[in-house]
Amino acid sequence: MELPMLTDTPRKRSQGLAHDIVTALTQRILLGQMAAGEKLPSESAIVGEYGVSRTVVREALSKLQAAGLVETRHGVGTFVLARDQRQGLHLTHDTAVSVRGILELRMGLETQAAALAALRRTDAQLQQMRQALDDYQDSLSNHDSSVEPDVRFHQLIAQATGNTYFTDVIHHLGNSVIPRSRINAQERGDADLMKLGQLANLEHEAILKAIRRQDPDAARAAMLLHLSNSLERMTGE
């Protein structure tokens, strides 16, 4: 049987494999499946688990270290950092857990959070979400940063699930959950960032409406659309 032709370059395939490992290990760490101070599996063990080369594993571990999730002690191994050492996730544009990686993680996490929030939210939580979006719009109108109310809105959705694991993960992602906070304003300009903010807030309103109606399917779909559009706006993908 003739094998399909591979069109990706070896470098692109290496980056993709490293990205898969980074995403998997990031989820384990943020969801508490790997505790602070715990030693990551050895290079050989990761090679065996994922069926990749040592070069790919080293690239993935380097990206996790650059993201502030782990630290490597030479001659000893790589260890998970405690939450207070991470200071949120330190993301850089040259790591797989930057804009694209974080949004992919959030697509799995926050779509389910929105659905649960629609089922479990209280009237008080609904009012707090409404206030967050009002503050968001006020910030845009005043040409101020809208990152704080944006983060607050997503954190409130996580809280409304009644599941502290959702709250913990979103909290420790910090401002990194907002892709616009990773963009140099000089690269895009105020007008472009304003437009991005307005588009994002229209999507926020759709999420809030679904949560208000207590419609989990609509809330899940609205959140997925918001995060998918965010990925497209930020990366062009």
Protein backbone atom coordinates (compact mmCIF):
# COMPACT_ATOMS: atom_id res chain seq x y z
CA MET A 1 0.00 0.00 0.00
CA GLU A 2 1.33 3.43 -0.96
CA LEU A 3 1.91 5.72 1.98
CA PRO A 4 0.41 9.25 1.88
CA MET A 5 2.84 12.01 1.03
CA LEU A 6 3.90 14.17 3.98
CA THR A 7 3.81 17.83 3.07
CA ASP A 8 4.93 19.31 6.39
CA THR A 9 8.60 20.03 6.91
CA PRO A 10 10.41 18.11 9.69
CA ARG A 11 10.63 21.35 11.69
CA LYS A 12 6.88 21.94 11.51
CA ARG A 13 6.16 18.35 12.51
CA SER A 14 8.58 18.72 15.44
CA GLN A 15 6.83 21.89 16.59
CA GLY A 16 3.44 20.21 16.33
CA LEU A 17 4.52 17.19 18.36
CA ALA A 18 6.12 19.41 21.00
CA HIS A 19 2.92 21.48 21.13
CA ASP A 20 0.86 18.33 21.79
CA ILE A 21 3.10 17.37 24.71
CA VAL A 22 3.06 20.91 26.11
CA THR A 23 -0.75 21.05 25.94
CA ALA A 24 -1.15 17.66 27.62
CA LEU A 25 1.30 18.43 30.45
CA THR A 26 -0.12 21.93 30.93
CA GLN A 27 -3.59 20.49 31.45
CA ARG A 28 -2.28 17.95 33.96
CA ILE A 29 -0.52 20.69 35.93
CA LEU A 30 -3.37 23.22 35.90
CA LEU A 31 -5.97 20.61 36.82
CA GLY A 32 -3.87 19.46 39.77
CA GLN A 33 -3.09 16.04 38.33
CA MET A 34 0.57 16.86 38.81
CA ALA A 35 1.23 18.49 42.19
CA ALA A 36 3.60 21.33 43.01
CA GLY A 37 7.08 19.97 43.56
CA GLU A 38 6.31 16.77 41.67
CA LYS A 39 9.01 15.59 39.33
CA LEU A 40 7.97 15.21 35.71
CA PRO A 41 8.54 11.83 34.05
CA SER A 42 12.02 11.34 32.64
CA GLU A 43 12.81 12.13 29.03
CA SER A 44 12.84 8.41 28.30
CA ALA A 45 9.41 7.94 29.86
CA ILE A 46 7.91 10.82 27.84
CA VAL A 47 9.53 9.48 24.68
CA GLY A 48 7.91 6.13 25.36
CA GLU A 49 4.49 7.60 26.22
CA TYR A 50 4.21 9.89 23.20
CA GLY A 51 6.37 8.03 20.70
CA VAL A 52 8.53 11.04 19.86
CA SER A 53 12.23 11.78 19.79
CA ARG A 54 14.28 13.16 22.66
CA THR A 55 14.69 16.37 20.67
CA VAL A 56 10.91 16.90 20.65
CA VAL A 57 10.69 16.15 24.39
CA ARG A 58 13.45 18.64 25.19
CA GLU A 59 11.73 21.27 23.07
CA ALA A 60 8.46 20.69 24.94
CA LEU A 61 10.11 20.87 28.36
CA SER A 62 11.87 24.07 27.33
CA LYS A 63 8.53 25.62 26.40
CA LEU A 64 6.95 24.57 29.72
CA GLN A 65 9.87 26.16 31.55
CA ALA A 66 9.55 29.36 29.48
CA ALA A 67 5.85 29.42 30.36
CA GLY A 68 6.72 29.41 34.06
CA LEU A 69 5.03 26.09 34.85
CA VAL A 70 8.11 24.06 35.65
CA GLU A 71 11.75 24.45 36.55
CA THR A 72 14.64 22.25 35.49
CA ARG A 73 17.31 21.38 38.02
CA HIS A 74 20.39 20.26 36.15
CA GLY A 75 21.33 16.72 36.94
CA VAL A 76 18.14 16.18 38.96
CA GLY A 77 15.12 16.63 36.69
CA THR A 78 12.19 18.91 35.89
CA PHE A 79 9.69 19.83 38.61
CA VAL A 80 6.25 21.44 38.74
CA LEU A 81 6.34 24.93 40.23
CA ALA A 82 4.01 25.88 43.08
CA ARG A 83 1.19 28.30 42.27
CA ASP A 84 2.74 31.17 44.22
CA GLN A 85 5.95 30.71 42.23
CA ARG A 86 4.14 30.87 38.88
CA GLN A 87 2.52 34.29 39.39
CA GLY A 88 -0.06 33.27 36.82
CA LEU A 89 1.21 31.82 33.57
CA HIS A 90 4.12 33.76 32.13
CA LEU A 91 3.44 33.46 28.42
CA THR A 92 5.65 34.56 25.59
CA HIS A 93 4.86 34.63 21.88
CA ASP A 94 7.56 32.08 21.05
CA THR A 95 6.08 29.36 23.27
CA ALA A 96 3.36 26.88 22.37
CA VAL A 97 1.41 27.94 25.44
CA SER A 98 1.04 31.50 24.23
CA VAL A 99 -2.03 32.85 22.45
CA ARG A 100 -2.86 29.75 20.41
CA GLY A 101 -2.12 27.25 23.17
CA ILE A 102 -4.05 29.09 25.86
CA LEU A 103 -7.10 29.51 23.64
CA GLU A 104 -7.06 25.82 22.77
CA LEU A 105 -6.93 24.98 26.46
CA ARG A 106 -9.79 27.37 27.17
CA MET A 107 -11.95 25.86 24.42
CA GLY A 108 -12.03 22.62 26.35
CA LEU A 109 -12.33 24.25 29.76
CA GLU A 110 -14.58 27.26 29.37
CA THR A 111 -17.16 25.81 27.01
CA GLN A 112 -18.06 23.30 29.71
CA ALA A 113 -17.86 26.01 32.38
CA ALA A 114 -20.37 28.13 30.46
CA ALA A 115 -22.77 25.19 30.16
CA LEU A 116 -22.53 24.45 33.89
CA ALA A 117 -22.88 28.14 34.75
CA ALA A 118 -26.12 28.26 32.75
CA LEU A 119 -27.50 25.45 34.89
CA ARG A 120 -26.17 26.58 38.28
CA ARG A 121 -25.81 30.37 38.27
CA THR A 122 -27.57 32.47 40.88
CA ASP A 123 -29.33 35.77 40.26
CA ALA A 124 -26.56 37.54 42.19
CA GLN A 125 -23.89 35.98 39.96
CA LEU A 126 -25.88 36.97 36.89
CA GLN A 127 -25.92 40.58 38.11
CA GLN A 128 -22.17 40.49 38.67
CA MET A 129 -21.62 39.24 35.12
CA ARG A 130 -23.85 42.04 33.82
CA GLN A 131 -21.80 44.59 35.78
CA ALA A 132 -18.54 43.17 34.40
CA LEU A 133 -19.76 43.66 30.83
CA ASP A 134 -21.02 47.16 31.62
CA ASP A 135 -17.60 48.00 33.06
CA TYR A 136 -16.01 46.46 29.98
CA GLN A 137 -18.01 48.70 27.66
CA ASP A 138 -17.27 51.77 29.79
CA SER A 139 -13.55 51.01 29.56
CA LEU A 140 -13.74 50.76 25.78
CA SER A 141 -15.68 54.02 25.55
CA ASN A 142 -13.07 55.78 27.69
CA HIS A 143 -10.18 54.22 25.72
CA ASP A 144 -9.06 52.47 28.90
CA SER A 145 -7.86 48.90 29.20
CA SER A 146 -10.77 46.46 29.27
CA VAL A 147 -8.64 43.53 30.42
CA GLU A 148 -9.75 43.62 34.08
CA PRO A 149 -13.52 43.44 33.45
CA ASP A 150 -12.90 40.90 30.69
CA VAL A 151 -10.97 38.63 33.06
CA ARG A 152 -13.59 39.23 35.74
CA PHE A 153 -16.41 38.12 33.42
CA HIS A 154 -14.68 34.83 32.64
CA GLN A 155 -13.83 34.29 36.30
CA LEU A 156 -17.47 34.87 37.27
CA ILE A 157 -18.58 32.23 34.79
CA ALA A 158 -16.10 29.80 36.36
CA GLN A 159 -17.41 30.65 39.84
CA ALA A 160 -21.00 30.09 38.71
CA THR A 161 -20.18 26.45 37.93
CA GLY A 162 -19.92 25.82 41.66
CA ASN A 163 -16.81 23.76 40.88
CA THR A 164 -13.69 25.21 42.46
CA TYR A 165 -11.41 23.47 39.95
CA PHE A 166 -12.75 25.68 37.17
CA THR A 167 -12.27 28.75 39.37
CA ASP A 168 -8.72 27.78 40.31
CA VAL A 169 -7.58 27.19 36.75
CA ILE A 170 -9.04 30.44 35.40
CA HIS A 171 -7.64 32.36 38.38
CA HIS A 172 -4.15 31.02 37.87
CA LEU A 173 -4.20 31.72 34.17
CA GLY A 174 -4.61 35.36 35.22
CA ASN A 175 -4.60 38.01 32.49
CA SER A 176 -3.24 35.42 30.09
CA VAL A 177 -6.84 34.38 29.37
CA ILE A 178 -7.20 37.65 27.45
CA PRO A 179 -5.26 37.43 24.16
CA ARG A 180 -5.34 41.21 23.67
CA SER A 181 -3.23 41.62 26.80
CA ARG A 182 -0.42 39.77 24.98
CA ILE A 183 -0.34 42.18 22.04
CA ASN A 184 1.97 45.13 21.79
CA ALA A 185 -0.31 48.15 21.27
CA GLN A 186 2.26 49.71 18.94
CA GLU A 187 1.94 46.68 16.65
CA ARG A 188 -1.82 47.03 16.15
CA GLY A 189 -2.74 50.55 17.18
CA ASP A 190 -5.56 51.78 19.42
CA ALA A 191 -8.19 51.68 16.68
CA ASP A 192 -7.56 48.00 15.93
CA LEU A 193 -7.59 47.05 19.61
CA MET A 194 -10.84 48.98 20.08
CA LYS A 195 -12.44 47.06 17.23
CA LEU A 196 -11.26 43.74 18.65
CA GLY A 197 -12.66 44.70 22.04
CA GLN A 198 -16.05 45.61 20.61
CA LEU A 199 -16.30 42.36 18.69
CA ALA A 200 -15.35 40.36 21.77
CA ASN A 201 -17.98 42.12 23.86
CA LEU A 202 -20.74 41.31 21.38
CA GLU A 203 -19.77 37.68 21.87
CA HIS A 204 -19.73 38.15 25.65
CA GLU A 205 -23.31 39.42 25.46
CA ALA A 206 -24.39 36.27 23.62
CA ILE A 207 -22.78 34.13 26.32
CA LEU A 208 -24.51 36.11 29.06
CA LYS A 209 -27.91 35.83 27.35
CA ALA A 210 -27.58 32.06 27.14
CA ILE A 211 -26.56 31.82 30.80
CA ARG A 212 -29.48 34.07 31.77
CA ARG A 213 -31.89 31.79 29.84
CA GLN A 214 -30.30 28.80 31.60
CA ASP A 215 -29.63 27.21 28.22
CA PRO A 216 -26.45 25.12 28.59
CA ASP A 217 -26.19 24.14 24.91
CA ALA A 218 -26.47 27.75 23.77
CA ALA A 219 -23.98 28.88 26.43
CA ARG A 220 -21.49 26.22 25.35
CA ALA A 221 -21.89 27.18 21.68
CA ALA A 222 -21.60 30.91 22.39
CA MET A 223 -18.41 30.41 24.39
CA LEU A 224 -16.90 28.17 21.70
CA LEU A 225 -17.71 30.78 19.05
CA HIS A 226 -16.14 33.52 21.18
CA LEU A 227 -12.92 31.58 21.76
CA SER A 228 -12.71 30.39 18.16
CA ASN A 229 -13.15 33.95 16.92
CA SER A 230 -10.55 35.14 19.42
CA LEU A 231 -8.10 32.61 18.03
CA GLU A 232 -8.79 33.78 14.50
CA ARG A 233 -8.51 37.47 15.43
CA MET A 234 -5.26 36.99 17.30
CA THR A 235 -3.46 34.51 15.10
CA GLY A 236 -5.20 34.60 11.73
CA GLU A 237 -5.90 30.86 11.98
